[in-house]
Amino acid sequence: MMLKLAKCGYHSTHPEGLLIDRPNGSGCYVFVLFKSHAHVTVNGRTSTVSPDTWMIFRPDTPYRYRSADRSFVNDWLHFAGEEADSLLRELELPLDKPVPAIHSGSLSRLVMELQRSTWLGGPLQERIIASDLNGFLLKLGNLRRLRPGSEQMARYFVQLSEIRSRIYSTPQQRYTIDGLAAEVSLSRSHFQHVYKELFGCPISLDMIGSRLEFAKYLLENGSQPIASVSLMCGYENDTHFMRQFKKFTGKTPSQYRKSCTSPEPARSHDLPVQSL
């Protein structure tokens, strides 16, 4: 049985507040991304959660939550399926406990896409929704594993994640470390320290890696001169590009392009077998 989405809501807004009370549980798993302050009671114990906090309630957990402010906004999913139990265990996602959301904006967009899938219709709709829901839970588990080890690092996680995404999506842009550090109001040295602490590599290597990955794509799929590839990847001169490309790939750009277009020698087990 596939994962099944019972219903969902993206950016559900309640100007006069909201009270949800399920003394016997909901009968399915419920994911809630709180975008407003709320009082949450689970198994008789009450706590106050802040915006950008998520919870997954078990199907049989007695719970209730109500808005702590006059207006209340949240995203939510009700889901079930035999795969749900094993997937949640595999991902070690906390149940019935509030979890601070890392990159809550991306989680919210995923809920929005799930809601759009429910409106899609068509013969493959059920499979599409199951796939999207599976991806949502996997990404939720992945984001939780990326959680910074300290509150100080967590302060910059979203901003630096967006910077890293921009570096890889626009490799032709000539970024400077000083310019990127200024975007988040950090000194150059502190910015480099926080970036490496969060992502496990220096920002300088990410900047080089994004350019070289784009260069390899252009060399594999186009016939532009090497100088043009260099310019398209943000290098100021092709000599520096060729030197850096060889240093990190072990081949010159020309050698790399040739290796992509030349057929590989046939291996013995690839040869056709003649019948006797």
C-alpha atoms as a PDB file:
ATOM      1  CA  MET A   1       0.000   0.000   0.000  1.00  0.00           C
ATOM      2  CA  MET A   2       1.372   3.382  -0.996  1.00  0.00           C
ATOM      3  CA  LEU A   3       1.520   6.419   1.217  1.00  0.00           C
ATOM      4  CA  LYS A   4      -1.884   8.054   1.110  1.00  0.00           C
ATOM      5  CA  LEU A   5      -2.626  11.730   1.600  1.00  0.00           C
ATOM      6  CA  ALA A   6      -6.034  12.147   3.208  1.00  0.00           C
ATOM      7  CA  LYS A   7      -6.136  15.948   3.061  1.00  0.00           C
ATOM      8  CA  CYS A   8      -3.868  18.941   3.385  1.00  0.00           C
ATOM      9  CA  GLY A   9      -3.843  22.701   3.754  1.00  0.00           C
ATOM     10  CA  TYR A  10      -1.290  25.300   2.703  1.00  0.00           C
ATOM     11  CA  HIS A  11      -1.059  28.573   4.634  1.00  0.00           C
ATOM     12  CA  SER A  12      -4.457  28.012   6.251  1.00  0.00           C
ATOM     13  CA  THR A  13      -5.377  31.344   7.806  1.00  0.00           C
ATOM     14  CA  HIS A  14      -7.814  31.820  10.699  1.00  0.00           C
ATOM     15  CA  PRO A  15      -8.204  35.546  11.539  1.00  0.00           C
ATOM     16  CA  GLU A  16     -10.282  34.782  14.651  1.00  0.00           C
ATOM     17  CA  GLY A  17      -8.036  31.990  15.936  1.00  0.00           C
ATOM     18  CA  LEU A  18      -8.408  28.214  15.867  1.00  0.00           C
ATOM     19  CA  LEU A  19      -8.989  25.303  18.249  1.00  0.00           C
ATOM     20  CA  ILE A  20      -8.331  21.701  17.186  1.00  0.00           C
ATOM     21  CA  ASP A  21      -9.329  19.068  19.769  1.00  0.00           C
ATOM     22  CA  ARG A  22      -8.861  15.343  19.098  1.00  0.00           C
ATOM     23  CA  PRO A  23      -9.190  13.481  22.424  1.00  0.00           C
ATOM     24  CA  ASN A  24      -8.949  10.088  20.690  1.00  0.00           C
ATOM     25  CA  GLY A  25      -6.385  11.038  18.059  1.00  0.00           C
ATOM     26  CA  SER A  26      -7.136  11.639  14.399  1.00  0.00           C
ATOM     27  CA  GLY A  27      -6.871   8.069  13.095  1.00  0.00           C
ATOM     28  CA  CYS A  28      -3.981   9.015  10.814  1.00  0.00           C
ATOM     29  CA  TYR A  29      -0.658  10.821  11.021  1.00  0.00           C
ATOM     30  CA  VAL A  30      -0.954  14.610  11.146  1.00  0.00           C
ATOM     31  CA  PHE A  31       1.875  16.966  10.228  1.00  0.00           C
ATOM     32  CA  VAL A  32       1.486  20.598  11.329  1.00  0.00           C
ATOM     33  CA  LEU A  33       3.851  23.467  10.530  1.00  0.00           C
ATOM     34  CA  PHE A  34       2.959  26.232  12.960  1.00  0.00           C
ATOM     35  CA  LYS A  35       3.338  29.725  11.526  1.00  0.00           C
ATOM     36  CA  SER A  36       1.851  31.397  14.593  1.00  0.00           C
ATOM     37  CA  HIS A  37       2.255  30.930  18.331  1.00  0.00           C
ATOM     38  CA  ALA A  38       0.114  28.081  19.652  1.00  0.00           C
ATOM     39  CA  HIS A  39      -0.655  26.205  22.859  1.00  0.00           C
ATOM     40  CA  VAL A  40      -0.291  22.473  22.212  1.00  0.00           C
ATOM     41  CA  THR A  41      -1.500  19.749  24.561  1.00  0.00           C
ATOM     42  CA  VAL A  42      -0.286  16.186  23.990  1.00  0.00           C
ATOM     43  CA  ASN A  43      -1.349  13.389  26.357  1.00  0.00           C
ATOM     44  CA  GLY A  44      -2.461  15.993  28.887  1.00  0.00           C
ATOM     45  CA  ARG A  45       0.758  18.026  28.881  1.00  0.00           C
ATOM     46  CA  THR A  46       0.643  21.584  27.499  1.00  0.00           C
ATOM     47  CA  SER A  47       3.452  23.637  25.975  1.00  0.00           C
ATOM     48  CA  THR A  48       3.648  26.786  23.877  1.00  0.00           C
ATOM     49  CA  VAL A  49       5.245  26.503  20.445  1.00  0.00           C
ATOM     50  CA  SER A  50       6.702  29.333  18.415  1.00  0.00           C
ATOM     51  CA  PRO A  51       6.240  30.052  14.716  1.00  0.00           C
ATOM     52  CA  ASP A  52       8.412  27.908  12.420  1.00  0.00           C
ATOM     53  CA  THR A  53       7.898  24.793  14.536  1.00  0.00           C
ATOM     54  CA  TRP A  54       6.553  21.497  13.213  1.00  0.00           C
ATOM     55  CA  MET A  55       5.001  18.425  14.811  1.00  0.00           C
ATOM     56  CA  ILE A  56       3.867  15.006  13.623  1.00  0.00           C
ATOM     57  CA  PHE A  57       1.068  13.510  15.725  1.00  0.00           C
ATOM     58  CA  ARG A  58       0.570   9.753  15.865  1.00  0.00           C
ATOM     59  CA  PRO A  59      -2.825   8.409  14.723  1.00  0.00           C
ATOM     60  CA  ASP A  60      -3.862   7.406  18.266  1.00  0.00           C
ATOM     61  CA  THR A  61      -2.338  10.309  20.228  1.00  0.00           C
ATOM     62  CA  PRO A  62      -4.844  12.475  22.124  1.00  0.00           C
ATOM     63  CA  TYR A  63      -3.979  16.084  21.353  1.00  0.00           C
ATOM     64  CA  ARG A  64      -5.303  19.565  20.951  1.00  0.00           C
ATOM     65  CA  TYR A  65      -3.876  22.883  19.903  1.00  0.00           C
ATOM     66  CA  ARG A  66      -5.198  26.396  19.906  1.00  0.00           C
ATOM     67  CA  SER A  67      -3.881  29.736  18.745  1.00  0.00           C
ATOM     68  CA  ALA A  68      -1.993  31.811  21.269  1.00  0.00           C
ATOM     69  CA  ASP A  69      -2.561  34.946  19.208  1.00  0.00           C
ATOM     70  CA  ARG A  70      -5.799  36.219  17.771  1.00  0.00           C
ATOM     71  CA  SER A  71      -4.903  35.185  14.228  1.00  0.00           C
ATOM     72  CA  PHE A  72      -3.577  31.726  13.446  1.00  0.00           C
ATOM     73  CA  VAL A  73      -1.744  30.380  10.348  1.00  0.00           C
ATOM     74  CA  ASN A  74      -0.426  26.890   9.665  1.00  0.00           C
ATOM     75  CA  ASP A  75       0.334  24.275   7.021  1.00  0.00           C
ATOM     76  CA  TRP A  76      -0.913  20.736   7.629  1.00  0.00           C
ATOM     77  CA  LEU A  77      -1.087  17.220   6.192  1.00  0.00           C
ATOM     78  CA  HIS A  78      -3.140  14.162   7.152  1.00  0.00           C
ATOM     79  CA  PHE A  79      -1.557  10.973   5.811  1.00  0.00           C
ATOM     80  CA  ALA A  80      -1.588   7.212   6.282  1.00  0.00           C
ATOM     81  CA  GLY A  81      -0.492   3.995   4.597  1.00  0.00           C
ATOM     82  CA  GLU A  82       1.413   0.907   5.633  1.00  0.00           C
ATOM     83  CA  GLU A  83       4.661   2.491   4.447  1.00  0.00           C
ATOM     84  CA  ALA A  84       4.192   5.480   6.762  1.00  0.00           C
ATOM     85  CA  ASP A  85       5.154   3.611   9.964  1.00  0.00           C
ATOM     86  CA  SER A  86       8.360   2.143   8.543  1.00  0.00           C
ATOM     87  CA  LEU A  87       9.389   5.352   6.752  1.00  0.00           C
ATOM     88  CA  LEU A  88       8.948   7.497   9.855  1.00  0.00           C
ATOM     89  CA  ARG A  89      10.996   4.991  11.874  1.00  0.00           C
ATOM     90  CA  GLU A  90      13.699   4.901   9.214  1.00  0.00           C
ATOM     91  CA  LEU A  91      13.930   8.683   9.113  1.00  0.00           C
ATOM     92  CA  GLU A  92      13.856   8.873  12.932  1.00  0.00           C
ATOM     93  CA  LEU A  93      11.393  11.731  12.789  1.00  0.00           C
ATOM     94  CA  PRO A  94      10.195  12.739  16.262  1.00  0.00           C
ATOM     95  CA  LEU A  95       6.504  12.071  16.910  1.00  0.00           C
ATOM     96  CA  ASP A  96       4.252  14.060  19.245  1.00  0.00           C
ATOM     97  CA  LYS A  97       7.123  16.494  19.935  1.00  0.00           C
ATOM     98  CA  PRO A  98       7.665  20.065  18.687  1.00  0.00           C
ATOM     99  CA  VAL A  99      10.681  20.447  16.376  1.00  0.00           C
ATOM    100  CA  PRO A 100      12.158  23.808  15.288  1.00  0.00           C
ATOM    101  CA  ALA A 101      11.888  23.993  11.515  1.00  0.00           C
ATOM    102  CA  ILE A 102      15.056  24.423   9.519  1.00  0.00           C
ATOM    103  CA  HIS A 103      14.268  26.295   6.302  1.00  0.00           C
ATOM    104  CA  SER A 104      10.554  26.463   7.085  1.00  0.00           C
ATOM    105  CA  GLY A 105       9.937  28.295   3.805  1.00  0.00           C
ATOM    106  CA  SER A 106      11.011  25.248   1.810  1.00  0.00           C
ATOM    107  CA  LEU A 107       8.752  22.984   3.905  1.00  0.00           C
ATOM    108  CA  SER A 108       5.846  25.317   3.283  1.00  0.00           C
ATOM    109  CA  ARG A 109       6.472  25.258  -0.465  1.00  0.00           C
ATOM    110  CA  LEU A 110       6.460  21.451  -0.393  1.00  0.00           C
ATOM    111  CA  VAL A 111       3.049  21.494   1.287  1.00  0.00           C
ATOM    112  CA  MET A 112       1.854  23.922  -1.380  1.00  0.00           C
ATOM    113  CA  GLU A 113       3.011  21.520  -4.114  1.00  0.00           C
ATOM    114  CA  LEU A 114       1.215  18.642  -2.406  1.00  0.00           C
ATOM    115  CA  GLN A 115      -1.969  20.677  -2.306  1.00  0.00           C
ATOM    116  CA  ARG A 116      -1.603  21.457  -6.011  1.00  0.00           C
ATOM    117  CA  SER A 117      -1.196  17.752  -6.725  1.00  0.00           C
ATOM    118  CA  THR A 118      -4.556  17.076  -5.058  1.00  0.00           C
ATOM    119  CA  TRP A 119      -6.166  19.425  -7.580  1.00  0.00           C
ATOM    120  CA  LEU A 120      -4.391  17.881 -10.554  1.00  0.00           C
ATOM    121  CA  GLY A 121      -6.698  14.976 -11.321  1.00  0.00           C
ATOM    122  CA  GLY A 122      -5.934  12.376 -13.973  1.00  0.00           C
ATOM    123  CA  PRO A 123      -5.258   8.631 -13.948  1.00  0.00           C
ATOM    124  CA  LEU A 124      -1.840   8.973 -12.277  1.00  0.00           C
ATOM    125  CA  GLN A 125      -2.900  11.402  -9.554  1.00  0.00           C
ATOM    126  CA  GLU A 126      -2.767   8.878  -6.716  1.00  0.00           C
ATOM    127  CA  ARG A 127       0.740   7.781  -7.620  1.00  0.00           C
ATOM    128  CA  ILE A 128       1.911  11.381  -8.049  1.00  0.00           C
ATOM    129  CA  ILE A 129       0.590  12.342  -4.605  1.00  0.00           C
ATOM    130  CA  ALA A 130       2.181   9.268  -3.011  1.00  0.00           C
ATOM    131  CA  SER A 131       5.514  10.148  -4.624  1.00  0.00           C
ATOM    132  CA  ASP A 132       5.266  13.798  -3.541  1.00  0.00           C
ATOM    133  CA  LEU A 133       4.359  12.772   0.016  1.00  0.00           C
ATOM    134  CA  ASN A 134       7.272  10.334   0.155  1.00  0.00           C
ATOM    135  CA  GLY A 135       9.583  13.096  -1.063  1.00  0.00           C
ATOM    136  CA  PHE A 136       8.192  15.497   1.526  1.00  0.00           C
ATOM    137  CA  LEU A 137       8.966  13.121   4.407  1.00  0.00           C
ATOM    138  CA  LEU A 138      12.433  12.354   3.025  1.00  0.00           C
ATOM    139  CA  LYS A 139      13.223  16.067   2.740  1.00  0.00           C
ATOM    140  CA  LEU A 140      11.855  16.658   6.230  1.00  0.00           C
ATOM    141  CA  GLY A 141      14.213  13.988   7.545  1.00  0.00           C
ATOM    142  CA  ASN A 142      17.107  15.400   5.538  1.00  0.00           C
ATOM    143  CA  LEU A 143      16.551  18.945   6.787  1.00  0.00           C
ATOM    144  CA  ARG A 144      16.453  17.682  10.354  1.00  0.00           C
ATOM    145  CA  ARG A 145      19.826  15.983   9.859  1.00  0.00           C
ATOM    146  CA  LEU A 146      21.211  19.248   8.533  1.00  0.00           C
ATOM    147  CA  ARG A 147      20.234  21.025  11.714  1.00  0.00           C
ATOM    148  CA  PRO A 148      23.178  23.141  12.909  1.00  0.00           C
ATOM    149  CA  GLY A 149      24.804  22.123  16.154  1.00  0.00           C
ATOM    150  CA  SER A 150      24.330  25.464  17.889  1.00  0.00           C
ATOM    151  CA  GLU A 151      21.861  28.318  17.976  1.00  0.00           C
ATOM    152  CA  GLN A 152      24.537  30.655  16.654  1.00  0.00           C
ATOM    153  CA  MET A 153      24.952  28.524  13.534  1.00  0.00           C
ATOM    154  CA  ALA A 154      21.197  28.094  13.180  1.00  0.00           C
ATOM    155  CA  ARG A 155      20.830  31.878  12.909  1.00  0.00           C
ATOM    156  CA  TYR A 156      22.607  31.841   9.554  1.00  0.00           C
ATOM    157  CA  PHE A 157      21.495  28.480   8.164  1.00  0.00           C
ATOM    158  CA  VAL A 158      18.652  29.723   5.975  1.00  0.00           C
ATOM    159  CA  GLN A 159      20.529  32.729   4.588  1.00  0.00           C
ATOM    160  CA  LEU A 160      23.670  30.751   3.831  1.00  0.00           C
ATOM    161  CA  SER A 161      21.670  27.886   2.316  1.00  0.00           C
ATOM    162  CA  GLU A 162      20.119  30.377  -0.078  1.00  0.00           C
ATOM    163  CA  ILE A 163      23.545  31.779  -0.921  1.00  0.00           C
ATOM    164  CA  ARG A 164      24.876  28.280  -1.581  1.00  0.00           C
ATOM    165  CA  SER A 165      21.902  27.500  -3.799  1.00  0.00           C
ATOM    166  CA  ARG A 166      22.508  30.717  -5.731  1.00  0.00           C
ATOM    167  CA  ILE A 167      26.188  29.900  -6.201  1.00  0.00           C
ATOM    168  CA  TYR A 168      25.317  26.566  -7.810  1.00  0.00           C
ATOM    169  CA  SER A 169      22.376  27.834  -9.850  1.00  0.00           C
ATOM    170  CA  THR A 170      24.248  30.847 -11.287  1.00  0.00           C
ATOM    171  CA  PRO A 171      27.849  29.641 -11.773  1.00  0.00           C
ATOM    172  CA  GLN A 172      28.491  32.302 -14.406  1.00  0.00           C
ATOM    173  CA  GLN A 173      28.067  35.050 -11.813  1.00  0.00           C
ATOM    174  CA  ARG A 174      31.318  36.411 -10.448  1.00  0.00           C
ATOM    175  CA  TYR A 175      30.716  36.346  -6.707  1.00  0.00           C
ATOM    176  CA  THR A 176      33.211  37.583  -4.149  1.00  0.00           C
ATOM    177  CA  ILE A 177      33.506  36.310  -0.599  1.00  0.00           C
ATOM    178  CA  ASP A 178      33.507  39.868   0.712  1.00  0.00           C
ATOM    179  CA  GLY A 179      30.298  40.650  -1.177  1.00  0.00           C
ATOM    180  CA  LEU A 180      28.512  37.514   0.058  1.00  0.00           C
ATOM    181  CA  ALA A 181      29.677  38.126   3.633  1.00  0.00           C
ATOM    182  CA  ALA A 182      28.269  41.645   3.468  1.00  0.00           C
ATOM    183  CA  GLU A 183      24.845  40.249   2.501  1.00  0.00           C
ATOM    184  CA  VAL A 184      24.559  38.604   5.924  1.00  0.00           C
ATOM    185  CA  SER A 185      26.413  41.356   7.804  1.00  0.00           C
ATOM    186  CA  LEU A 186      29.398  39.178   8.715  1.00  0.00           C
ATOM    187  CA  SER A 187      33.109  39.795   8.475  1.00  0.00           C
ATOM    188  CA  ARG A 188      34.922  37.844   5.773  1.00  0.00           C
ATOM    189  CA  SER A 189      36.644  35.513   8.263  1.00  0.00           C
ATOM    190  CA  HIS A 190      33.504  34.868  10.336  1.00  0.00           C
ATOM    191  CA  PHE A 191      31.453  34.239   7.190  1.00  0.00           C
ATOM    192  CA  GLN A 192      33.985  31.677   5.950  1.00  0.00           C
ATOM    193  CA  HIS A 193      34.039  29.979   9.361  1.00  0.00           C
ATOM    194  CA  VAL A 194      30.244  29.726   9.615  1.00  0.00           C
ATOM    195  CA  TYR A 195      29.899  28.527   6.011  1.00  0.00           C
ATOM    196  CA  LYS A 196      32.423  25.720   6.480  1.00  0.00           C
ATOM    197  CA  GLU A 197      30.889  24.744   9.817  1.00  0.00           C
ATOM    198  CA  LEU A 198      27.426  24.453   8.245  1.00  0.00           C
ATOM    199  CA  PHE A 199      28.273  22.742   4.951  1.00  0.00           C
ATOM    200  CA  GLY A 200      31.557  20.973   5.625  1.00  0.00           C
ATOM    201  CA  CYS A 201      33.552  22.718   2.909  1.00  0.00           C
ATOM    202  CA  PRO A 202      35.047  26.162   2.310  1.00  0.00           C
ATOM    203  CA  ILE A 203      32.950  28.547   0.253  1.00  0.00           C
ATOM    204  CA  SER A 204      35.874  28.982  -2.131  1.00  0.00           C
ATOM    205  CA  LEU A 205      35.608  25.301  -3.102  1.00  0.00           C
ATOM    206  CA  ASP A 206      31.868  25.617  -3.673  1.00  0.00           C
ATOM    207  CA  MET A 207      32.459  28.616  -5.932  1.00  0.00           C
ATOM    208  CA  ILE A 208      35.036  26.663  -7.938  1.00  0.00           C
ATOM    209  CA  GLY A 209      32.917  23.507  -7.934  1.00  0.00           C
ATOM    210  CA  SER A 210      29.846  25.269  -9.307  1.00  0.00           C
ATOM    211  CA  ARG A 211      31.847  26.775 -12.187  1.00  0.00           C
ATOM    212  CA  LEU A 212      33.579  23.528 -13.063  1.00  0.00           C
ATOM    213  CA  GLU A 213      30.375  21.485 -12.983  1.00  0.00           C
ATOM    214  CA  PHE A 214      28.825  23.981 -15.394  1.00  0.00           C
ATOM    215  CA  ALA A 215      31.958  23.868 -17.545  1.00  0.00           C
ATOM    216  CA  LYS A 216      31.788  20.072 -17.734  1.00  0.00           C
ATOM    217  CA  TYR A 217      28.138  20.304 -18.789  1.00  0.00           C
ATOM    218  CA  LEU A 218      28.999  22.772 -21.563  1.00  0.00           C
ATOM    219  CA  LEU A 219      31.939  20.662 -22.741  1.00  0.00           C
ATOM    220  CA  GLU A 220      29.806  17.511 -22.788  1.00  0.00           C
ATOM    221  CA  ASN A 221      26.832  19.055 -24.574  1.00  0.00           C
ATOM    222  CA  GLY A 222      28.156  21.823 -26.809  1.00  0.00           C
ATOM    223  CA  SER A 223      30.853  22.782 -29.274  1.00  0.00           C
ATOM    224  CA  GLN A 224      31.710  26.266 -28.016  1.00  0.00           C
ATOM    225  CA  PRO A 225      35.408  27.215 -28.072  1.00  0.00           C
ATOM    226  CA  ILE A 226      37.228  26.737 -24.774  1.00  0.00           C
ATOM    227  CA  ALA A 227      37.557  30.518 -24.408  1.00  0.00           C
ATOM    228  CA  SER A 228      33.767  30.884 -24.683  1.00  0.00           C
ATOM    229  CA  VAL A 229      33.198  28.143 -22.095  1.00  0.00           C
ATOM    230  CA  SER A 230      35.602  29.949 -19.784  1.00  0.00           C
ATOM    231  CA  LEU A 231      33.706  33.214 -20.166  1.00  0.00           C
ATOM    232  CA  MET A 232      30.303  31.526 -19.707  1.00  0.00           C
ATOM    233  CA  CYS A 233      31.528  30.027 -16.431  1.00  0.00           C
ATOM    234  CA  GLY A 234      32.552  33.378 -14.984  1.00  0.00           C
ATOM    235  CA  TYR A 235      36.312  33.236 -15.546  1.00  0.00           C
ATOM    236  CA  GLU A 236      38.091  36.416 -16.496  1.00  0.00           C
ATOM    237  CA  ASN A 237      40.642  34.613 -18.665  1.00  0.00           C
ATOM    238  CA  ASP A 238      40.787  31.175 -20.209  1.00  0.00           C
ATOM    239  CA  THR A 239      44.336  30.464 -18.958  1.00  0.00           C
ATOM    240  CA  HIS A 240      43.163  30.533 -15.349  1.00  0.00           C
ATOM    241  CA  PHE A 241      40.132  28.439 -16.301  1.00  0.00           C
ATOM    242  CA  MET A 242      42.227  25.751 -18.026  1.00  0.00           C
ATOM    243  CA  ARG A 243      44.706  25.614 -15.156  1.00  0.00           C
ATOM    244  CA  GLN A 244      41.951  25.268 -12.554  1.00  0.00           C
ATOM    245  CA  PHE A 245      39.981  22.756 -14.622  1.00  0.00           C
ATOM    246  CA  LYS A 246      42.989  20.455 -14.945  1.00  0.00           C
ATOM    247  CA  LYS A 247      43.870  20.815 -11.276  1.00  0.00           C
ATOM    248  CA  PHE A 248      40.431  19.605 -10.146  1.00  0.00           C
ATOM    249  CA  THR A 249      39.538  17.122 -12.908  1.00  0.00           C
ATOM    250  CA  GLY A 250      42.954  15.808 -13.959  1.00  0.00           C
ATOM    251  CA  LYS A 251      42.281  16.724 -17.612  1.00  0.00           C
ATOM    252  CA  THR A 252      42.446  19.828 -19.725  1.00  0.00           C
ATOM    253  CA  PRO A 253      39.087  21.068 -21.042  1.00  0.00           C
ATOM    254  CA  SER A 254      39.983  19.754 -24.503  1.00  0.00           C
ATOM    255  CA  GLN A 255      40.910  16.345 -23.118  1.00  0.00           C
ATOM    256  CA  TYR A 256      37.704  16.228 -21.099  1.00  0.00           C
ATOM    257  CA  ARG A 257      35.570  17.074 -24.152  1.00  0.00           C
ATOM    258  CA  LYS A 258      37.357  14.421 -26.210  1.00  0.00           C
ATOM    259  CA  SER A 259      36.823  11.800 -23.507  1.00  0.00           C
ATOM    260  CA  CYS A 260      33.093  12.559 -23.569  1.00  0.00           C
ATOM    261  CA  THR A 261      32.765  12.203 -27.332  1.00  0.00           C
ATOM    262  CA  SER A 262      35.114   9.244 -27.888  1.00  0.00           C
ATOM    263  CA  PRO A 263      33.510   5.785 -27.610  1.00  0.00           C
ATOM    264  CA  GLU A 264      34.860   3.731 -24.754  1.00  0.00           C
ATOM    265  CA  PRO A 265      36.801   0.592 -25.705  1.00  0.00           C
ATOM    266  CA  ALA A 266      34.570  -2.451 -25.634  1.00  0.00           C
ATOM    267  CA  ARG A 267      35.104  -4.754 -22.670  1.00  0.00           C
ATOM    268  CA  SER A 268      35.161  -8.496 -23.193  1.00  0.00           C
ATOM    269  CA  HIS A 269      31.799  -9.043 -21.498  1.00  0.00           C
ATOM    270  CA  ASP A 270      30.254  -6.334 -23.681  1.00  0.00           C
ATOM    271  CA  LEU A 271      31.038  -8.194 -26.893  1.00  0.00           C
ATOM    272  CA  PRO A 272      28.275 -10.212 -28.532  1.00  0.00           C
ATOM    273  CA  VAL A 273      28.394 -13.907 -27.703  1.00  0.00           C
ATOM    274  CA  GLN A 274      28.419 -16.219 -30.694  1.00  0.00           C
ATOM    275  CA  SER A 275      26.352 -19.346 -30.421  1.00  0.00           C
ATOM    276  CA  LEU A 276      28.142 -22.599 -31.015  1.00  0.00           C
END
